[in-house]
Every structure is written in structure tokens, then in C-alpha cells.
Amino acid sequence: MDKLIDKLVDTRWFMKIVALILALFLFDSVYDSDKELKDINVPGQQDSDVVEDVPVKSYYDTENLVVTGIPDTVDLNIEGPKSHLEPAKKQQNFEVYVDLTNAEIGSQRVEFKIRDISDKLDVTINPQYADVTVHEKVTQEFKVDAEFNKSLLGEGYSAEAATAEPKTVKITGAKEVIDRISFVKATLDVRGPITETITDEATVRVLDREMNKLDVIVEPQVIQVTVPVKQLSKTVPVTIVRKGDPQEGVTINSIELDVNEASITGREEILNETESVRVEVDVSKIEKDTVLTLPVIIPNGISAVDPKTVKASVDISTEENANKEEESTEEPSEETQAQEQEETRTFSSLPINIAGLAEEYEAILKNPASGRTSITVTGKNSTVQNLKAEDFNIYLSLADLGEGEHEVPINVDGPSGVDIKPAAGNATISITQKEET
């Protein structure tokens, strides 16, 4: 057996066969067809794509300059090996920019550039250029005009001027733009109806003469706006209106109310026109002394009245009672009876005069702001019917009063034999020093 092996080893063909087998084993252990294909970078495997809305960064002296005309984004057309294109598109770790570090004030064309992207990719920026203007940067302080929609006020309410807090804002922008500022407004955006004082946030808007919004920086951008709201009211006399005729044998001696004034609420223009409210007494149904609870009747446009009802005390006399008087008493004629009846009459919108004011002062009537008031006159029928507005002098005595706001009694001079009551007991007046001329 050993001799046979020795002969085979000495044979040339045997050694060739063994060498071939060993070579096959070695090739199989090293060669991987799939791996070989993966490791080969096939030239010419190119691709292209569009990357949209890539942010643009600008470099310039932001402390002293403002640049306009640079778009916020651009689009990129990218071509190159897919192995480089795909990561660039997904990661977008490149930067598109314009360099204005050495730019001078004025208009110029600048080119968009890109950096931090593979040099194996070809990039086209769309647009390639931008027409920009470099301006001098200016910061100025402006007063804010606070406002709101007055149509949102509830009926019977008024508002004073809206106020802003802070009252001024700092506005930064190009000098040419700052010079165009005509309005700085903060409009309160609320829902109606508004029936109380409101405070809310409002955004500051900067506008030119044509009410176009200007591209500026506002600090602060949002401020507080307050609108003081109050209910419109007025005090007026309550007048008595007799309806119907007294029954036969009944004489109405007097009608007196437990409340002679009422507070009314409504729109300002209606309040200015309203000088009184009324109660209606149907004298045709009254047979004896009585107390009636009657509604206070208000004109159209008045939204509320306080009180809503009043008590009317009606004093009468009848023929039966008259016959019980002493026989020696002469019965008054019908004309005399009519003259002895009491009547209440209202004189409206009478001027309030000022008396006793020192020469160095001037006075402004704040309440009633119209400078007029009403009076209620009660007296005998024959006297009251002949009265005229000119018979009365309504005045405020300002003697010994100095500068400031004062509550002053309303005085009325008039004919004797009647009871006169002004609609309001006091007036508010503001006294100031006269300006030297």
C-alpha cells in the first residue's frame, strides 16, 4: 500500500489533479458573486431632482442696515450621482445665501450662492439673482392710536376714548419706510354688545397714508387696549297727564306723586331730546280720594326708566260734601271752582344761568352738559295756565367758589303762588382760571 502511494505521488498527473482540487476549494471560500456586484460602483448611474422652498440666509450689517427684495426661499435643481443626491435632498445640510457684507446703500443685483454640498453634484438655483435695496436702518417712537368698533356698544351705553398701554411703541425699519408712516393703530377685536368697560390685547398695525400695511418691526407688537364704557342716563321730571273728564259732581282738587323725578336710560340722541316722562291718570273713573299705582310712560328710544311705577294720591271733592257746608257760605261759581283747581305743568329745556363768578375765572357746566334743565310748576289752574318760560330764572350761584369741580344747587326764581321744582337738585360745574391774553 505504501509503495502504491509512493508511485502515485511520483506520478505527474496525480500532482496536477491534487493541485486543481485545492485551487477549487480556495476559490469557493473567497469568491462571492453577490458581494462583487455590490462593491462595484457602476459609472453613469446619474439622477436629478428639484428641491423646493429652500430657505435663504442673508449676511449684512443688521445693526445699521435694512435689506429688502430678498425672497424667503428658492428652488434648487440638483444633478449628480444618486448615491450623493439622495442624502443631500433628505438631510438638506447645505446653505443657500446672499453675501451683502460689503454692500453699499442703494439698489443692486446679488447672486444666490450655495455651500456645504457635495462637489460631485451640479446645482442650479432658481432664481439665480435677486434685485435688492439696502436701506439705512432707523428706529423711532410713535404714539399708538387705540380704537374699537363703536357700533358694538349696547343700546343705552356710551364709551370714552380707548386708551393704549403702553401709549407708544418703537418702530424699526428702512428710513424711507419710516418716513411713510401715517398711522399707528391698535384695534380691539371683540364681540358685542359691549355693556361694561373692557381691556384686551390688540396687535399694533403700522400704515401709510393710503392705509397700506408697512413692513417694519414693532416693539412691542401686542399691547393692552382699554375702553371705558358707561350706561347713558338722565334724570327728568315725571309729569301728570289727566285723561278723561271727572264724573258729574266730582271735582279733582289735586294729584300728587310720591316721586317727582325718574332716571331714564337710552341712546344719547334720544336722551338729549327727552325732557320728561309721564304718568297718565284717568280721572273719569275716580269717585273718591284714592292712591293709584301707575306705570311711568317713556318715549320711544328710551330703553329703561327708574322707578318703573309711582304712586299718585288723588284728592277730590263732591257736591254732596259741598252741600254740607254752612248755608251762609256762598257757593262758588263753576268758573271759580275751575280757578281753584290745582294743575301741574312742566317747562322743558330752560337755560341755566351763572351768577356771582369772579372775573378772573370761567366756568363750564358739565352736568347737565346741555346747559339746560326742566322745571315742574304746581299751582292754581288759573295761575299756571298763564305762565310762560320767560317767567322763570334758573341760575347757579358761584360766589366765593374757586378753581376746581363743584356740585352747586340749582336755584329757580319765578312768580309767587306756585310751587317750582327743578328736574335735578344740583349741577356739576368746572371752574378754571382765565388764560392771560
Protein backbone atom coordinates (compact mmCIF):
# COMPACT_ATOMS: atom_id res chain seq x y z
CA MET A 1 0.00 0.00 0.00
CA ASP A 2 2.81 2.34 0.84
CA LYS A 3 4.52 1.53 -2.44
CA LEU A 4 1.30 2.33 -4.31
CA ILE A 5 1.03 5.70 -2.64
CA ASP A 6 4.64 6.47 -3.37
CA LYS A 7 4.11 5.67 -7.04
CA LEU A 8 1.02 7.95 -7.21
CA VAL A 9 2.89 10.81 -5.54
CA ASP A 10 5.71 10.39 -8.04
CA THR A 11 3.22 10.49 -10.91
CA ARG A 12 2.99 13.95 -12.63
CA TRP A 13 -0.75 13.68 -13.34
CA PHE A 14 -1.58 12.85 -9.77
CA MET A 15 0.04 16.04 -8.53
CA LYS A 16 -1.82 18.13 -11.13
CA ILE A 17 -5.19 16.69 -10.03
CA VAL A 18 -4.45 17.40 -6.37
CA ALA A 19 -3.41 20.97 -7.19
CA LEU A 20 -6.64 21.51 -9.14
CA ILE A 21 -8.79 20.27 -6.27
CA LEU A 22 -7.02 22.56 -3.79
CA ALA A 23 -7.44 25.52 -6.13
CA LEU A 24 -11.18 24.88 -6.41
CA PHE A 25 -11.55 24.81 -2.62
CA LEU A 26 -9.69 28.08 -2.26
CA PHE A 27 -11.76 29.82 -4.96
CA ASP A 28 -15.04 28.75 -3.39
CA SER A 29 -14.03 30.05 0.01
CA VAL A 30 -13.03 33.52 -1.33
CA TYR A 31 -15.32 34.31 -4.26
CA ASP A 32 -18.86 35.83 -3.60
CA SER A 33 -20.63 36.87 -6.78
CA ASP A 34 -23.26 38.99 -4.94
CA LYS A 35 -20.62 40.80 -2.92
CA GLU A 36 -18.62 41.51 -6.01
CA LEU A 37 -21.58 43.10 -7.71
CA LYS A 38 -22.31 45.23 -4.65
CA ASP A 39 -18.77 46.53 -4.40
CA ILE A 40 -18.65 47.67 -7.97
CA ASN A 41 -19.55 51.37 -8.40
CA VAL A 42 -21.22 51.43 -11.76
CA PRO A 43 -20.25 54.66 -13.52
CA GLY A 44 -23.05 56.66 -15.25
CA GLN A 45 -25.77 55.93 -12.60
CA GLN A 46 -26.82 59.63 -12.56
CA ASP A 47 -30.06 61.23 -11.31
CA SER A 48 -31.67 64.69 -10.93
CA ASP A 49 -34.31 66.21 -8.70
CA VAL A 50 -35.87 69.54 -7.63
CA VAL A 51 -35.76 70.67 -4.01
CA GLU A 52 -38.38 73.37 -3.42
CA ASP A 53 -38.68 76.15 -0.83
CA VAL A 54 -35.11 76.10 0.41
CA PRO A 55 -34.64 78.94 2.98
CA VAL A 56 -32.33 81.79 2.04
CA LYS A 57 -29.96 83.30 4.58
CA SER A 58 -28.60 86.81 4.12
CA TYR A 59 -25.43 88.28 5.57
CA TYR A 60 -25.16 92.05 6.10
CA ASP A 61 -24.75 94.71 8.80
CA THR A 62 -28.04 94.17 10.63
CA GLU A 63 -27.21 96.84 13.22
CA ASN A 64 -27.23 99.71 10.74
CA LEU A 65 -28.87 98.44 7.56
CA VAL A 66 -32.16 97.01 6.32
CA VAL A 67 -32.31 94.94 3.12
CA THR A 68 -35.47 94.47 1.07
CA GLY A 69 -36.05 92.34 -2.02
CA ILE A 70 -34.54 89.05 -0.80
CA PRO A 71 -37.04 86.18 -1.21
CA ASP A 72 -37.57 83.92 1.77
CA THR A 73 -36.97 80.72 -0.27
CA VAL A 74 -35.61 79.49 -3.60
CA ASP A 75 -35.80 76.22 -5.57
CA LEU A 76 -32.78 74.01 -6.38
CA ASN A 77 -32.26 71.78 -9.46
CA ILE A 78 -29.70 69.13 -8.39
CA GLU A 79 -27.94 66.64 -10.71
CA GLY A 80 -25.31 64.05 -9.93
CA PRO A 81 -24.67 60.51 -8.67
CA LYS A 82 -27.69 59.09 -6.94
CA SER A 83 -25.53 58.00 -4.02
CA HIS A 84 -24.75 61.68 -3.33
CA LEU A 85 -28.02 63.25 -4.44
CA GLU A 86 -30.36 61.29 -2.16
CA PRO A 87 -28.60 62.15 1.13
CA ALA A 88 -28.33 65.83 0.12
CA LYS A 89 -32.04 66.00 -0.68
CA LYS A 90 -33.12 64.31 2.54
CA GLN A 91 -30.74 65.97 5.00
CA GLN A 92 -30.55 69.43 3.38
CA ASN A 93 -27.48 70.24 5.47
CA PHE A 94 -26.36 72.79 2.90
CA GLU A 95 -26.97 76.57 2.95
CA VAL A 96 -28.26 78.96 0.28
CA TYR A 97 -27.21 82.54 0.99
CA VAL A 98 -26.52 86.02 -0.30
CA ASP A 99 -23.45 87.90 0.83
CA LEU A 100 -24.07 91.61 1.38
CA THR A 101 -21.33 92.23 3.93
CA ASN A 102 -19.70 94.79 1.67
CA ALA A 103 -22.91 96.17 0.15
CA GLU A 104 -23.48 99.91 -0.06
CA ILE A 105 -26.78 101.75 0.44
CA GLY A 106 -28.87 101.64 -2.72
CA SER A 107 -30.28 99.15 -5.25
CA GLN A 108 -28.19 96.30 -6.64
CA ARG A 109 -28.37 92.78 -8.04
CA VAL A 110 -26.90 89.94 -5.97
CA GLU A 111 -26.31 86.28 -6.80
CA PHE A 112 -27.55 83.40 -4.68
CA LYS A 113 -24.81 81.01 -3.58
CA ILE A 114 -24.73 77.55 -2.01
CA ARG A 115 -22.23 75.88 0.29
CA ASP A 116 -21.73 72.70 2.29
CA ILE A 117 -22.93 70.48 -0.57
CA SER A 118 -21.03 67.68 -2.34
CA ASP A 119 -18.78 68.86 -5.19
CA LYS A 120 -20.00 65.84 -7.17
CA LEU A 121 -23.41 67.48 -7.53
CA ASP A 122 -24.32 70.17 -10.03
CA VAL A 123 -26.74 72.71 -8.51
CA THR A 124 -28.81 75.35 -10.29
CA ILE A 125 -30.53 77.93 -8.06
CA ASN A 126 -33.87 79.32 -9.24
CA PRO A 127 -33.95 82.31 -9.29
CA GLN A 128 -30.23 82.81 -9.69
CA TYR A 129 -30.26 86.52 -8.79
CA ALA A 130 -32.24 88.93 -6.62
CA ASP A 131 -32.71 92.67 -7.06
CA VAL A 132 -32.31 94.08 -3.56
CA THR A 133 -32.24 97.51 -1.95
CA VAL A 134 -30.03 98.34 1.00
CA HIS A 135 -31.51 101.00 3.31
CA GLU A 136 -30.29 102.89 6.32
CA LYS A 137 -31.86 101.36 9.44
CA VAL A 138 -33.90 103.75 11.64
CA THR A 139 -35.74 103.31 14.96
CA GLN A 140 -38.35 105.86 16.07
CA GLU A 141 -41.00 106.06 18.77
CA PHE A 142 -44.63 106.56 17.76
CA LYS A 143 -47.85 107.16 19.72
CA VAL A 144 -50.43 104.40 19.34
CA ASP A 145 -53.99 105.29 18.34
CA ALA A 146 -56.25 102.81 20.18
CA GLU A 147 -59.70 102.21 18.70
CA PHE A 148 -62.68 99.86 18.58
CA ASN A 149 -65.94 99.45 16.71
CA LYS A 150 -68.45 101.77 18.42
CA SER A 151 -71.36 100.03 16.69
CA LEU A 152 -70.77 97.12 19.11
CA LEU A 153 -71.90 99.22 22.10
CA GLY A 154 -75.11 98.01 23.72
CA GLU A 155 -78.17 100.22 23.46
CA GLY A 156 -78.09 102.88 26.12
CA TYR A 157 -74.31 102.72 26.59
CA SER A 158 -71.54 105.12 25.62
CA ALA A 159 -67.78 104.82 25.57
CA GLU A 160 -64.99 107.25 26.27
CA ALA A 161 -61.87 107.27 24.11
CA ALA A 162 -59.98 103.98 24.05
CA THR A 163 -56.55 104.05 25.70
CA ALA A 164 -53.39 102.06 24.92
CA GLU A 165 -50.86 100.64 27.36
CA PRO A 166 -48.07 101.30 26.61
CA LYS A 167 -49.03 104.55 24.89
CA THR A 168 -46.05 104.45 22.50
CA VAL A 169 -44.13 101.77 20.59
CA LYS A 170 -40.70 101.65 18.94
CA ILE A 171 -40.76 101.04 15.18
CA THR A 172 -37.66 99.93 13.29
CA GLY A 173 -37.28 99.80 9.52
CA ALA A 174 -35.80 101.37 6.45
CA LYS A 175 -35.59 105.16 6.70
CA GLU A 176 -37.68 105.54 3.54
CA VAL A 177 -40.39 103.32 5.07
CA ILE A 178 -40.33 105.06 8.47
CA ASP A 179 -40.86 108.39 6.69
CA ARG A 180 -44.04 106.99 5.11
CA ILE A 181 -45.72 106.10 8.42
CA SER A 182 -49.05 107.95 8.79
CA PHE A 183 -50.99 105.76 11.25
CA VAL A 184 -50.04 103.50 14.14
CA LYS A 185 -53.24 101.77 15.24
CA ALA A 186 -54.25 99.11 17.74
CA THR A 187 -57.82 97.98 17.06
CA LEU A 188 -59.61 95.98 19.73
CA ASP A 189 -61.25 92.88 18.22
CA VAL A 190 -64.20 91.98 20.47
CA ARG A 191 -67.78 90.83 20.09
CA GLY A 192 -70.79 92.92 21.04
CA PRO A 193 -72.92 94.08 22.56
CA ILE A 194 -70.48 95.85 24.90
CA THR A 195 -72.09 96.84 28.21
CA GLU A 196 -69.09 97.28 30.51
CA THR A 197 -65.52 98.56 30.50
CA ILE A 198 -63.26 96.15 28.63
CA THR A 199 -59.49 95.56 28.46
CA ASP A 200 -57.94 93.18 25.96
CA GLU A 201 -54.89 92.63 23.77
CA ALA A 202 -54.61 94.24 20.35
CA THR A 203 -51.98 93.94 17.61
CA VAL A 204 -50.28 97.17 16.51
CA ARG A 205 -50.64 97.96 12.80
CA VAL A 206 -48.39 100.44 11.00
CA LEU A 207 -49.97 102.04 7.92
CA ASP A 208 -49.16 104.62 5.29
CA ARG A 209 -51.44 107.41 4.08
CA GLU A 210 -53.37 105.00 1.80
CA MET A 211 -53.86 102.60 4.76
CA ASN A 212 -51.37 100.10 3.31
CA LYS A 213 -49.52 97.97 5.86
CA LEU A 214 -45.80 98.77 6.08
CA ASP A 215 -43.00 96.21 6.50
CA VAL A 216 -41.44 97.27 9.80
CA ILE A 217 -40.53 95.80 13.18
CA VAL A 218 -42.75 96.95 16.09
CA GLU A 219 -41.75 96.63 19.73
CA PRO A 220 -43.98 95.64 21.43
CA GLN A 221 -46.14 94.14 18.70
CA VAL A 222 -49.09 93.42 21.06
CA ILE A 223 -50.40 95.96 23.61
CA GLN A 224 -53.33 96.34 26.03
CA VAL A 225 -56.32 98.44 24.94
CA THR A 226 -58.94 99.65 27.43
CA VAL A 227 -62.37 101.05 26.51
CA PRO A 228 -64.23 102.77 29.40
CA VAL A 229 -67.95 102.06 28.96
CA LYS A 230 -70.81 103.61 30.92
CA GLN A 231 -74.57 103.49 30.78
CA LEU A 232 -76.23 106.60 29.36
CA SER A 233 -78.78 108.00 31.80
CA LYS A 234 -80.51 111.23 32.63
CA THR A 235 -82.81 112.50 35.39
CA VAL A 236 -86.05 114.09 34.19
CA PRO A 237 -89.27 115.22 35.89
CA VAL A 238 -92.36 112.99 35.99
CA THR A 239 -95.36 114.92 34.70
CA ILE A 240 -99.04 114.16 35.31
CA VAL A 241 -101.34 113.85 32.34
CA ARG A 242 -105.09 113.80 33.10
CA LYS A 243 -107.21 111.65 30.85
CA GLY A 244 -110.97 111.88 30.53
CA ASP A 245 -113.37 114.14 32.42
CA PRO A 246 -114.34 113.82 36.09
CA GLN A 247 -117.75 112.26 36.80
CA GLU A 248 -120.65 114.61 37.38
CA GLY A 249 -120.44 116.11 40.83
CA VAL A 250 -116.75 115.17 41.27
CA THR A 251 -114.02 117.81 41.42
CA ILE A 252 -110.35 116.82 41.26
CA ASN A 253 -108.66 119.03 43.82
CA SER A 254 -105.10 117.76 43.40
CA ILE A 255 -102.95 114.89 42.20
CA GLU A 256 -99.61 114.39 43.92
CA LEU A 257 -96.90 111.84 43.12
CA ASP A 258 -94.67 110.16 45.68
CA VAL A 259 -91.76 110.53 43.21
CA ASN A 260 -91.35 113.61 41.04
CA GLU A 261 -88.23 112.57 39.09
CA ALA A 262 -87.11 109.46 37.20
CA SER A 263 -83.84 108.24 35.77
CA ILE A 264 -84.04 107.22 32.11
CA THR A 265 -81.56 105.22 30.00
CA GLY A 266 -81.23 105.17 26.24
CA ARG A 267 -79.30 106.31 23.19
CA GLU A 268 -77.56 109.65 23.57
CA GLU A 269 -79.53 111.42 20.85
CA ILE A 270 -82.85 110.26 22.37
CA LEU A 271 -81.79 111.35 25.86
CA ASN A 272 -80.94 114.81 24.56
CA GLU A 273 -84.43 115.13 23.11
CA THR A 274 -86.28 113.81 26.18
CA GLU A 275 -87.13 116.39 28.83
CA SER A 276 -89.71 114.46 30.87
CA VAL A 277 -91.63 111.22 31.33
CA ARG A 278 -95.26 110.97 32.29
CA VAL A 279 -97.93 109.13 34.21
CA GLU A 280 -101.49 109.12 32.94
CA VAL A 281 -104.35 109.47 35.44
CA ASP A 282 -107.81 108.55 34.18
CA VAL A 283 -109.90 110.97 36.23
CA SER A 284 -113.17 109.69 34.70
CA LYS A 285 -113.08 106.62 36.98
CA ILE A 286 -112.29 108.35 40.26
CA GLU A 287 -115.18 108.64 42.74
CA LYS A 288 -113.34 109.23 46.00
CA ASP A 289 -109.93 110.10 47.43
CA THR A 290 -107.58 107.35 46.31
CA VAL A 291 -103.97 106.30 45.79
CA LEU A 292 -103.15 104.81 42.38
CA THR A 293 -100.06 102.84 41.36
CA LEU A 294 -99.30 103.95 37.82
CA PRO A 295 -96.63 102.98 35.26
CA VAL A 296 -94.12 105.60 34.18
CA ILE A 297 -94.56 106.07 30.43
CA ILE A 298 -91.37 106.65 28.41
CA PRO A 299 -90.86 107.85 24.82
CA ASN A 300 -89.73 105.57 22.01
CA GLY A 301 -85.98 105.00 22.11
CA ILE A 302 -85.69 105.09 25.91
CA SER A 303 -84.64 101.60 26.99
CA ALA A 304 -85.21 101.81 30.78
CA VAL A 305 -86.68 104.02 33.50
CA ASP A 306 -86.27 104.00 37.27
CA PRO A 307 -88.68 103.87 39.01
CA LYS A 308 -90.98 101.94 36.70
CA THR A 309 -94.08 102.85 38.71
CA VAL A 310 -95.12 105.70 41.01
CA LYS A 311 -97.98 106.27 43.44
CA ALA A 312 -100.44 109.07 42.67
CA SER A 313 -102.54 110.43 45.52
CA VAL A 314 -105.77 111.89 44.16
CA ASP A 315 -107.77 114.30 46.34
CA ILE A 316 -111.36 115.02 45.26
CA SER A 317 -114.48 116.78 46.49
CA THR A 318 -118.10 116.04 45.60
CA GLU A 319 -121.31 118.10 45.51
CA GLU A 320 -122.62 116.06 48.44
CA ASN A 321 -119.78 117.27 50.62
CA ALA A 322 -120.17 120.79 49.35
CA ASN A 323 -123.87 120.87 50.38
CA LYS A 324 -122.86 120.01 53.93
CA GLU A 325 -121.00 123.29 54.23
CA GLU A 326 -122.58 126.11 56.15
CA GLU A 327 -125.56 127.64 54.38
CA SER A 328 -124.07 131.07 54.91
CA THR A 329 -121.09 130.13 52.71
CA GLU A 330 -121.69 131.35 49.23
CA GLU A 331 -121.36 128.60 46.69
CA PRO A 332 -118.58 129.41 44.26
CA SER A 333 -119.46 129.58 40.64
CA GLU A 334 -118.23 126.95 38.17
CA GLU A 335 -115.64 129.42 36.90
CA THR A 336 -114.34 129.97 40.43
CA GLN A 337 -114.16 126.20 41.05
CA ALA A 338 -112.10 125.78 37.91
CA GLN A 339 -109.75 128.52 39.03
CA GLU A 340 -109.27 126.86 42.44
CA GLN A 341 -108.23 123.51 40.97
CA GLU A 342 -104.51 122.71 41.08
CA GLU A 343 -102.55 121.98 37.95
CA THR A 344 -99.03 120.72 37.33
CA ARG A 345 -97.13 121.90 34.30
CA THR A 346 -93.61 121.19 33.02
CA PHE A 347 -91.37 123.73 31.32
CA SER A 348 -88.59 121.98 29.39
CA SER A 349 -85.13 122.96 28.16
CA LEU A 350 -84.80 126.17 30.15
CA PRO A 351 -81.29 127.72 30.17
CA ILE A 352 -79.19 127.60 33.33
CA ASN A 353 -77.55 130.94 34.06
CA ILE A 354 -74.38 131.59 36.08
CA ALA A 355 -74.25 134.26 38.77
CA GLY A 356 -71.59 135.55 41.14
CA LEU A 357 -68.49 134.14 39.35
CA ALA A 358 -65.32 136.14 39.95
CA GLU A 359 -63.96 137.94 36.88
CA GLU A 360 -60.67 136.00 36.79
CA TYR A 361 -62.48 132.69 36.39
CA GLU A 362 -64.51 130.96 33.70
CA ALA A 363 -66.98 128.12 34.27
CA ILE A 364 -68.06 125.13 32.21
CA LEU A 365 -71.27 123.29 33.04
CA LYS A 366 -70.51 119.55 32.97
CA ASN A 367 -73.83 118.16 34.18
CA PRO A 368 -76.25 118.82 32.64
CA ALA A 369 -73.83 119.22 29.73
CA SER A 370 -76.51 120.84 27.57
CA GLY A 371 -76.68 123.81 29.95
CA ARG A 372 -80.45 123.42 30.18
CA THR A 373 -82.91 121.75 32.52
CA SER A 374 -86.62 121.35 33.19
CA ILE A 375 -88.86 122.56 35.99
CA THR A 376 -92.21 121.36 37.28
CA VAL A 377 -94.67 124.06 38.35
CA THR A 378 -97.70 123.30 40.52
CA GLY A 379 -100.36 125.83 41.42
CA LYS A 380 -103.86 127.03 40.85
CA ASN A 381 -105.22 126.32 37.42
CA SER A 382 -105.80 129.98 36.63
CA THR A 383 -102.23 130.89 37.60
CA VAL A 384 -100.35 128.00 36.00
CA GLN A 385 -102.12 128.32 32.65
CA ASN A 386 -100.88 131.90 32.22
CA LEU A 387 -97.23 131.14 32.96
CA LYS A 388 -94.50 131.36 30.27
CA ALA A 389 -90.91 130.11 30.18
CA GLU A 390 -89.70 133.72 30.39
CA ASP A 391 -91.29 134.00 33.85
CA PHE A 392 -88.54 131.86 35.37
CA ASN A 393 -84.84 132.42 36.02
CA ILE A 394 -82.76 129.30 36.64
CA TYR A 395 -79.28 130.03 37.91
CA LEU A 396 -76.21 128.78 39.80
CA SER A 397 -74.71 130.98 42.48
CA LEU A 398 -70.92 130.69 42.16
CA ALA A 399 -69.93 133.42 44.58
CA ASP A 400 -66.82 132.58 46.66
CA LEU A 401 -66.05 129.48 44.56
CA GLY A 402 -62.52 128.93 43.24
CA GLU A 403 -60.86 126.62 40.73
CA GLY A 404 -61.98 123.00 40.57
CA GLU A 405 -65.10 120.94 40.10
CA HIS A 406 -68.10 121.76 42.27
CA GLU A 407 -71.60 120.46 42.99
CA VAL A 408 -73.84 123.54 43.07
CA PRO A 409 -77.57 123.78 43.95
CA ILE A 410 -79.88 124.78 41.10
CA ASN A 411 -81.88 127.87 42.07
CA VAL A 412 -85.12 128.98 40.46
CA ASP A 413 -86.80 132.39 40.68
CA GLY A 414 -90.39 132.61 39.49
CA PRO A 415 -93.85 134.00 40.16
CA SER A 416 -95.30 133.72 43.63
CA GLY A 417 -98.24 131.47 44.37
CA VAL A 418 -96.77 128.40 42.64
CA ASP A 419 -94.51 125.55 43.73
CA ILE A 420 -91.44 125.23 41.48
CA LYS A 421 -89.19 122.16 41.40
CA PRO A 422 -86.17 121.79 39.08
CA ALA A 423 -85.62 118.39 37.42
CA ALA A 424 -82.31 117.99 39.25
CA GLY A 425 -81.37 119.47 42.59
CA ASN A 426 -77.69 120.07 41.77
CA ALA A 427 -75.47 120.79 38.81
CA THR A 428 -71.77 119.93 38.30
CA ILE A 429 -69.61 122.82 37.21
CA SER A 430 -65.88 123.15 36.49
CA ILE A 431 -64.16 126.47 37.27
CA THR A 432 -60.79 127.34 35.73
CA GLN A 433 -58.52 130.36 35.66
CA LYS A 434 -58.88 132.53 32.56
CA GLU A 435 -55.91 132.44 30.21
CA GLU A 436 -53.95 135.68 30.03
CA THR A 437 -54.19 137.41 26.65
